[in-house]
Amino acid sequence: MITANEVTLLIKQSIPDAQIDVKDLGGGDHLEVNVVSAKFNGLTLVQQHQLVYGALKNELKTETIHALALTTSTPH
């Protein structure tokens, strides 16, 4: 099981300006994550998601995070 705080810290290591909202959808390994960052400017949605997946690669590989519903955007 991984905490929302741990997920936030991992993402912030790769995307320091990110505003992150993490919700546990059940069991501690099914998460919904919303990430807003200026670093996403000019990137496709796939590229934005790849940045976040990269930050969480170990947790996804080991299935500490089994399912991830991810939303990314730039600040308004």
PDB file of N, CA and C in Angstrom:
ATOM      1  N   MET A   1       0.844  -1.178   0.000  1.00  0.00           N
ATOM      2  CA  MET A   1       0.000   0.000   0.000  1.00  0.00           C
ATOM      3  C   MET A   1       0.890   1.242   0.000  1.00  0.00           C
ATOM      4  N   ILE A   2       0.453   2.242  -0.737  1.00  0.00           N
ATOM      5  CA  ILE A   2       1.199   3.490  -0.830  1.00  0.00           C
ATOM      6  C   ILE A   2       0.272   4.630  -0.416  1.00  0.00           C
ATOM      7  N   THR A   3       0.821   5.615   0.263  1.00  0.00           N
ATOM      8  CA  THR A   3      -0.010   6.730   0.719  1.00  0.00           C
ATOM      9  C   THR A   3      -0.065   7.828  -0.344  1.00  0.00           C
ATOM     10  N   ALA A   4      -1.076   8.666  -0.225  1.00  0.00           N
ATOM     11  CA  ALA A   4      -1.212   9.818  -1.130  1.00  0.00           C
ATOM     12  C   ALA A   4       0.009  10.717  -1.015  1.00  0.00           C
ATOM     13  N   ASN A   5       0.520  10.874   0.185  1.00  0.00           N
ATOM     14  CA  ASN A   5       1.694  11.716   0.415  1.00  0.00           C
ATOM     15  C   ASN A   5       2.927  11.149  -0.296  1.00  0.00           C
ATOM     16  N   GLU A   6       3.087   9.840  -0.259  1.00  0.00           N
ATOM     17  CA  GLU A   6       4.229   9.201  -0.938  1.00  0.00           C
ATOM     18  C   GLU A   6       4.136   9.391  -2.449  1.00  0.00           C
ATOM     19  N   VAL A   7       2.938   9.237  -3.011  1.00  0.00           N
ATOM     20  CA  VAL A   7       2.734   9.446  -4.444  1.00  0.00           C
ATOM     21  C   VAL A   7       3.072  10.890  -4.806  1.00  0.00           C
ATOM     22  N   THR A   8       2.589  11.827  -4.005  1.00  0.00           N
ATOM     23  CA  THR A   8       2.854  13.249  -4.241  1.00  0.00           C
ATOM     24  C   THR A   8       4.355  13.529  -4.235  1.00  0.00           C
ATOM     25  N   LEU A   9       5.062  13.005  -3.262  1.00  0.00           N
ATOM     26  CA  LEU A   9       6.508  13.232  -3.163  1.00  0.00           C
ATOM     27  C   LEU A   9       7.249  12.656  -4.369  1.00  0.00           C
ATOM     28  N   LEU A  10       6.858  11.474  -4.815  1.00  0.00           N
ATOM     29  CA  LEU A  10       7.510  10.853  -5.974  1.00  0.00           C
ATOM     30  C   LEU A  10       7.304  11.693  -7.233  1.00  0.00           C
ATOM     31  N   ILE A  11       6.090  12.171  -7.440  1.00  0.00           N
ATOM     32  CA  ILE A  11       5.813  12.988  -8.622  1.00  0.00           C
ATOM     33  C   ILE A  11       6.561  14.312  -8.539  1.00  0.00           C
ATOM     34  N   LYS A  12       6.599  14.924  -7.362  1.00  0.00           N
ATOM     35  CA  LYS A  12       7.272  16.219  -7.196  1.00  0.00           C
ATOM     36  C   LYS A  12       8.779  16.122  -7.432  1.00  0.00           C
ATOM     37  N   GLN A  13       9.363  14.942  -7.264  1.00  0.00           N
ATOM     38  CA  GLN A  13      10.784  14.776  -7.558  1.00  0.00           C
ATOM     39  C   GLN A  13      11.051  14.991  -9.044  1.00  0.00           C
ATOM     40  N   SER A  14      10.113  14.589  -9.898  1.00  0.00           N
ATOM     41  CA  SER A  14      10.270  14.750 -11.337  1.00  0.00           C
ATOM     42  C   SER A  14       9.636  16.030 -11.866  1.00  0.00           C
ATOM     43  N   ILE A  15       8.570  16.464 -11.195  1.00  0.00           N
ATOM     44  CA  ILE A  15       7.812  17.635 -11.643  1.00  0.00           C
ATOM     45  C   ILE A  15       7.614  18.549 -10.428  1.00  0.00           C
ATOM     46  N   PRO A  16       8.652  19.315 -10.064  1.00  0.00           N
ATOM     47  CA  PRO A  16       8.632  20.084  -8.817  1.00  0.00           C
ATOM     48  C   PRO A  16       7.486  21.087  -8.677  1.00  0.00           C
ATOM     49  N   ASP A  17       7.005  21.658  -9.786  1.00  0.00           N
ATOM     50  CA  ASP A  17       5.953  22.667  -9.682  1.00  0.00           C
ATOM     51  C   ASP A  17       4.542  22.070  -9.682  1.00  0.00           C
ATOM     52  N   ALA A  18       4.440  20.757  -9.726  1.00  0.00           N
ATOM     53  CA  ALA A  18       3.146  20.093  -9.879  1.00  0.00           C
ATOM     54  C   ALA A  18       2.212  20.344  -8.705  1.00  0.00           C
ATOM     55  N   GLN A  19       0.949  20.551  -9.063  1.00  0.00           N
ATOM     56  CA  GLN A  19      -0.143  20.540  -8.097  1.00  0.00           C
ATOM     57  C   GLN A  19      -0.790  19.172  -8.257  1.00  0.00           C
ATOM     58  N   ILE A  20      -0.851  18.422  -7.172  1.00  0.00           N
ATOM     59  CA  ILE A  20      -1.221  17.008  -7.258  1.00  0.00           C
ATOM     60  C   ILE A  20      -2.360  16.695  -6.303  1.00  0.00           C
ATOM     61  N   ASP A  21      -3.343  15.979  -6.832  1.00  0.00           N
ATOM     62  CA  ASP A  21      -4.457  15.495  -6.021  1.00  0.00           C
ATOM     63  C   ASP A  21      -4.514  13.978  -6.198  1.00  0.00           C
ATOM     64  N   VAL A  22      -4.429  13.256  -5.089  1.00  0.00           N
ATOM     65  CA  VAL A  22      -4.429  11.796  -5.130  1.00  0.00           C
ATOM     66  C   VAL A  22      -5.632  11.277  -4.343  1.00  0.00           C
ATOM     67  N   LYS A  23      -6.384  10.376  -4.983  1.00  0.00           N
ATOM     68  CA  LYS A  23      -7.522   9.744  -4.308  1.00  0.00           C
ATOM     69  C   LYS A  23      -7.347   8.237  -4.364  1.00  0.00           C
ATOM     70  N   ASP A  24      -7.581   7.597  -3.229  1.00  0.00           N
ATOM     71  CA  ASP A  24      -7.548   6.138  -3.155  1.00  0.00           C
ATOM     72  C   ASP A  24      -8.909   5.621  -3.615  1.00  0.00           C
ATOM     73  N   LEU A  25      -8.925   4.822  -4.674  1.00  0.00           N
ATOM     74  CA  LEU A  25     -10.171   4.272  -5.188  1.00  0.00           C
ATOM     75  C   LEU A  25     -10.496   2.910  -4.578  1.00  0.00           C
ATOM     76  N   GLY A  26      -9.612   2.445  -3.704  1.00  0.00           N
ATOM     77  CA  GLY A  26      -9.880   1.192  -3.019  1.00  0.00           C
ATOM     78  C   GLY A  26      -8.640   0.341  -2.838  1.00  0.00           C
ATOM     79  N   GLY A  27      -8.439  -0.108  -1.631  1.00  0.00           N
ATOM     80  CA  GLY A  27      -7.364  -1.039  -1.335  1.00  0.00           C
ATOM     81  C   GLY A  27      -5.973  -0.449  -1.234  1.00  0.00           C
ATOM     82  N   GLY A  28      -5.833   0.843  -1.472  1.00  0.00           N
ATOM     83  CA  GLY A  28      -4.532   1.480  -1.370  1.00  0.00           C
ATOM     84  C   GLY A  28      -3.648   1.300  -2.588  1.00  0.00           C
ATOM     85  N   ASP A  29      -4.095   0.502  -3.572  1.00  0.00           N
ATOM     86  CA  ASP A  29      -3.276   0.310  -4.772  1.00  0.00           C
ATOM     87  C   ASP A  29      -4.022   0.691  -6.056  1.00  0.00           C
ATOM     88  N   HIS A  30      -5.255   1.163  -5.926  1.00  0.00           N
ATOM     89  CA  HIS A  30      -6.031   1.696  -7.049  1.00  0.00           C
ATOM     90  C   HIS A  30      -6.199   3.190  -6.805  1.00  0.00           C
ATOM     91  N   LEU A  31      -5.529   3.995  -7.619  1.00  0.00           N
ATOM     92  CA  LEU A  31      -5.472   5.424  -7.362  1.00  0.00           C
ATOM     93  C   LEU A  31      -5.988   6.252  -8.524  1.00  0.00           C
ATOM     94  N   GLU A  32      -6.531   7.412  -8.185  1.00  0.00           N
ATOM     95  CA  GLU A  32      -6.874   8.433  -9.157  1.00  0.00           C
ATOM     96  C   GLU A  32      -5.969   9.624  -8.862  1.00  0.00           C
ATOM     97  N   VAL A  33      -5.216  10.057  -9.862  1.00  0.00           N
ATOM     98  CA  VAL A  33      -4.243  11.131  -9.663  1.00  0.00           C
ATOM     99  C   VAL A  33      -4.480  12.223 -10.706  1.00  0.00           C
ATOM    100  N   ASN A  34      -4.572  13.455 -10.224  1.00  0.00           N
ATOM    101  CA  ASN A  34      -4.697  14.625 -11.086  1.00  0.00           C
ATOM    102  C   ASN A  34      -3.443  15.470 -10.896  1.00  0.00           C
ATOM    103  N   VAL A  35      -2.741  15.761 -11.989  1.00  0.00           N
ATOM    104  CA  VAL A  35      -1.493  16.522 -11.926  1.00  0.00           C
ATOM    105  C   VAL A  35      -1.608  17.743 -12.839  1.00  0.00           C
ATOM    106  N   VAL A  36      -1.355  18.916 -12.264  1.00  0.00           N
ATOM    107  CA  VAL A  36      -1.346  20.164 -13.027  1.00  0.00           C
ATOM    108  C   VAL A  36       0.067  20.737 -12.949  1.00  0.00           C
ATOM    109  N   SER A  37       0.663  21.023 -14.126  1.00  0.00           N
ATOM    110  CA  SER A  37       2.029  21.536 -14.139  1.00  0.00           C
ATOM    111  C   SER A  37       2.287  22.356 -15.392  1.00  0.00           C
ATOM    112  N   ALA A  38       3.040  23.439 -15.231  1.00  0.00           N
ATOM    113  CA  ALA A  38       3.486  24.235 -16.375  1.00  0.00           C
ATOM    114  C   ALA A  38       4.476  23.443 -17.226  1.00  0.00           C
ATOM    115  N   LYS A  39       5.098  22.433 -16.642  1.00  0.00           N
ATOM    116  CA  LYS A  39       6.048  21.587 -17.374  1.00  0.00           C
ATOM    117  C   LYS A  39       5.361  20.843 -18.523  1.00  0.00           C
ATOM    118  N   PHE A  40       4.034  20.735 -18.468  1.00  0.00           N
ATOM    119  CA  PHE A  40       3.281  20.051 -19.511  1.00  0.00           C
ATOM    120  C   PHE A  40       3.026  20.935 -20.732  1.00  0.00           C
ATOM    121  N   ASN A  41       3.326  22.243 -20.641  1.00  0.00           N
ATOM    122  CA  ASN A  41       3.106  23.151 -21.772  1.00  0.00           C
ATOM    123  C   ASN A  41       3.824  22.641 -23.017  1.00  0.00           C
ATOM    124  N   GLY A  42       3.100  22.545 -24.122  1.00  0.00           N
ATOM    125  CA  GLY A  42       3.688  22.118 -25.384  1.00  0.00           C
ATOM    126  C   GLY A  42       3.816  20.618 -25.553  1.00  0.00           C
ATOM    127  N   LEU A  43       3.443  19.853 -24.535  1.00  0.00           N
ATOM    128  CA  LEU A  43       3.542  18.395 -24.611  1.00  0.00           C
ATOM    129  C   LEU A  43       2.188  17.792 -24.970  1.00  0.00           C
ATOM    130  N   THR A  44       2.223  16.678 -25.685  1.00  0.00           N
ATOM    131  CA  THR A  44       0.985  15.951 -25.949  1.00  0.00           C
ATOM    132  C   THR A  44       0.514  15.294 -24.654  1.00  0.00           C
ATOM    133  N   LEU A  45      -0.731  14.861 -24.658  1.00  0.00           N
ATOM    134  CA  LEU A  45      -1.271  14.177 -23.495  1.00  0.00           C
ATOM    135  C   LEU A  45      -0.465  12.918 -23.173  1.00  0.00           C
ATOM    136  N   VAL A  46      -0.057  12.198 -24.201  1.00  0.00           N
ATOM    137  CA  VAL A  46       0.761  10.991 -23.991  1.00  0.00           C
ATOM    138  C   VAL A  46       2.087  11.355 -23.330  1.00  0.00           C
ATOM    139  N   GLN A  47       2.729  12.422 -23.793  1.00  0.00           N
ATOM    140  CA  GLN A  47       3.998  12.859 -23.199  1.00  0.00           C
ATOM    141  C   GLN A  47       3.808  13.296 -21.749  1.00  0.00           C
ATOM    142  N   GLN A  48       2.710  13.973 -21.463  1.00  0.00           N
ATOM    143  CA  GLN A  48       2.409  14.380 -20.084  1.00  0.00           C
ATOM    144  C   GLN A  48       2.282  13.147 -19.191  1.00  0.00           C
ATOM    145  N   HIS A  49       1.526  12.170 -19.663  1.00  0.00           N
ATOM    146  CA  HIS A  49       1.330  10.949 -18.877  1.00  0.00           C
ATOM    147  C   HIS A  49       2.637  10.187 -18.705  1.00  0.00           C
ATOM    148  N   GLN A  50       3.475  10.179 -19.737  1.00  0.00           N
ATOM    149  CA  GLN A  50       4.760   9.495 -19.632  1.00  0.00           C
ATOM    150  C   GLN A  50       5.632  10.095 -18.539  1.00  0.00           C
ATOM    151  N   LEU A  51       5.581  11.415 -18.369  1.00  0.00           N
ATOM    152  CA  LEU A  51       6.342  12.057 -17.287  1.00  0.00           C
ATOM    153  C   LEU A  51       5.889  11.541 -15.921  1.00  0.00           C
ATOM    154  N   VAL A  52       4.582  11.444 -15.740  1.00  0.00           N
ATOM    155  CA  VAL A  52       4.049  10.984 -14.455  1.00  0.00           C
ATOM    156  C   VAL A  52       4.335   9.493 -14.264  1.00  0.00           C
ATOM    157  N   TYR A  53       4.098   8.688 -15.312  1.00  0.00           N
ATOM    158  CA  TYR A  53       4.403   7.260 -15.208  1.00  0.00           C
ATOM    159  C   TYR A  53       5.879   7.037 -14.892  1.00  0.00           C
ATOM    160  N   GLY A  54       6.734   7.860 -15.472  1.00  0.00           N
ATOM    161  CA  GLY A  54       8.168   7.753 -15.197  1.00  0.00           C
ATOM    162  C   GLY A  54       8.486   7.989 -13.732  1.00  0.00           C
ATOM    163  N   ALA A  55       7.778   8.942 -13.135  1.00  0.00           N
ATOM    164  CA  ALA A  55       7.998   9.242 -11.715  1.00  0.00           C
ATOM    165  C   ALA A  55       7.532   8.101 -10.814  1.00  0.00           C
ATOM    166  N   LEU A  56       6.581   7.318 -11.308  1.00  0.00           N
ATOM    167  CA  LEU A  56       5.999   6.237 -10.502  1.00  0.00           C
ATOM    168  C   LEU A  56       6.375   4.851 -11.031  1.00  0.00           C
ATOM    169  N   LYS A  57       7.401   4.777 -11.879  1.00  0.00           N
ATOM    170  CA  LYS A  57       7.716   3.523 -12.571  1.00  0.00           C
ATOM    171  C   LYS A  57       7.977   2.349 -11.638  1.00  0.00           C
ATOM    172  N   ASN A  58       8.704   2.569 -10.561  1.00  0.00           N
ATOM    173  CA  ASN A  58       8.999   1.459  -9.648  1.00  0.00           C
ATOM    174  C   ASN A  58       7.740   0.959  -8.953  1.00  0.00           C
ATOM    175  N   GLU A  59       6.879   1.900  -8.571  1.00  0.00           N
ATOM    176  CA  GLU A  59       5.645   1.536  -7.870  1.00  0.00           C
ATOM    177  C   GLU A  59       4.681   0.806  -8.805  1.00  0.00           C
ATOM    178  N   LEU A  60       4.676   1.192 -10.080  1.00  0.00           N
ATOM    179  CA  LEU A  60       3.841   0.508 -11.066  1.00  0.00           C
ATOM    180  C   LEU A  60       4.418  -0.871 -11.394  1.00  0.00           C
ATOM    181  N   LYS A  61       5.728  -0.948 -11.524  1.00  0.00           N
ATOM    182  CA  LYS A  61       6.395  -2.219 -11.863  1.00  0.00           C
ATOM    183  C   LYS A  61       6.181  -3.260 -10.774  1.00  0.00           C
ATOM    184  N   THR A  62       6.282  -2.846  -9.525  1.00  0.00           N
ATOM    185  CA  THR A  62       6.140  -3.775  -8.399  1.00  0.00           C
ATOM    186  C   THR A  62       4.676  -3.966  -7.997  1.00  0.00           C
ATOM    187  N   GLU A  63       3.775  -3.259  -8.683  1.00  0.00           N
ATOM    188  CA  GLU A  63       2.342  -3.278  -8.409  1.00  0.00           C
ATOM    189  C   GLU A  63       1.984  -2.746  -7.030  1.00  0.00           C
ATOM    190  N   THR A  64       2.867  -1.915  -6.462  1.00  0.00           N
ATOM    191  CA  THR A  64       2.489  -1.143  -5.281  1.00  0.00           C
ATOM    192  C   THR A  64       1.302  -0.265  -5.675  1.00  0.00           C
ATOM    193  N   ILE A  65       1.357   0.228  -6.929  1.00  0.00           N
ATOM    194  CA  ILE A  65       0.202   0.866  -7.552  1.00  0.00           C
ATOM    195  C   ILE A  65      -0.257  -0.107  -8.634  1.00  0.00           C
ATOM    196  N   HIS A  66      -1.431  -0.677  -8.427  1.00  0.00           N
ATOM    197  CA  HIS A  66      -1.946  -1.684  -9.366  1.00  0.00           C
ATOM    198  C   HIS A  66      -2.731  -1.034 -10.505  1.00  0.00           C
ATOM    199  N   ALA A  67      -3.491   0.016 -10.184  1.00  0.00           N
ATOM    200  CA  ALA A  67      -4.284   0.706 -11.199  1.00  0.00           C
ATOM    201  C   ALA A  67      -4.160   2.211 -10.971  1.00  0.00           C
ATOM    202  N   LEU A  68      -4.007   2.940 -12.083  1.00  0.00           N
ATOM    203  CA  LEU A  68      -3.815   4.387 -11.990  1.00  0.00           C
ATOM    204  C   LEU A  68      -4.703   5.092 -13.011  1.00  0.00           C
ATOM    205  N   ALA A  69      -5.667   5.848 -12.497  1.00  0.00           N
ATOM    206  CA  ALA A  69      -6.496   6.712 -13.356  1.00  0.00           C
ATOM    207  C   ALA A  69      -5.831   8.083 -13.315  1.00  0.00           C
ATOM    208  N   LEU A  70      -5.279   8.504 -14.446  1.00  0.00           N
ATOM    209  CA  LEU A  70      -4.435   9.702 -14.475  1.00  0.00           C
ATOM    210  C   LEU A  70      -5.050  10.805 -15.329  1.00  0.00           C
ATOM    211  N   THR A  71      -5.068  12.002 -14.768  1.00  0.00           N
ATOM    212  CA  THR A  71      -5.480  13.197 -15.501  1.00  0.00           C
ATOM    213  C   THR A  71      -4.349  14.211 -15.379  1.00  0.00           C
ATOM    214  N   THR A  72      -3.941  14.792 -16.506  1.00  0.00           N
ATOM    215  CA  THR A  72      -2.899  15.820 -16.482  1.00  0.00           C
ATOM    216  C   THR A  72      -3.398  17.055 -17.224  1.00  0.00           C
ATOM    217  N   SER A  73      -2.885  18.206 -16.799  1.00  0.00           N
ATOM    218  CA  SER A  73      -3.234  19.465 -17.468  1.00  0.00           C
ATOM    219  C   SER A  73      -2.222  20.534 -17.104  1.00  0.00           C
ATOM    220  N   THR A  74      -2.318  21.654 -17.841  1.00  0.00           N
ATOM    221  CA  THR A  74      -1.490  22.810 -17.547  1.00  0.00           C
ATOM    222  C   THR A  74      -2.299  23.799 -16.714  1.00  0.00           C
ATOM    223  N   PRO A  75      -1.640  24.681 -15.977  1.00  0.00           N
ATOM    224  CA  PRO A  75      -2.364  25.677 -15.187  1.00  0.00           C
ATOM    225  C   PRO A  75      -3.147  26.625 -16.095  1.00  0.00           C
ATOM    226  N   HIS A  76      -4.268  27.092 -15.600  1.00  0.00           N
ATOM    227  CA  HIS A  76      -5.101  28.031 -16.372  1.00  0.00           C
ATOM    228  C   HIS A  76      -4.702  29.451 -16.090  1.00  0.00           C
TER     229      HIS A  76
END
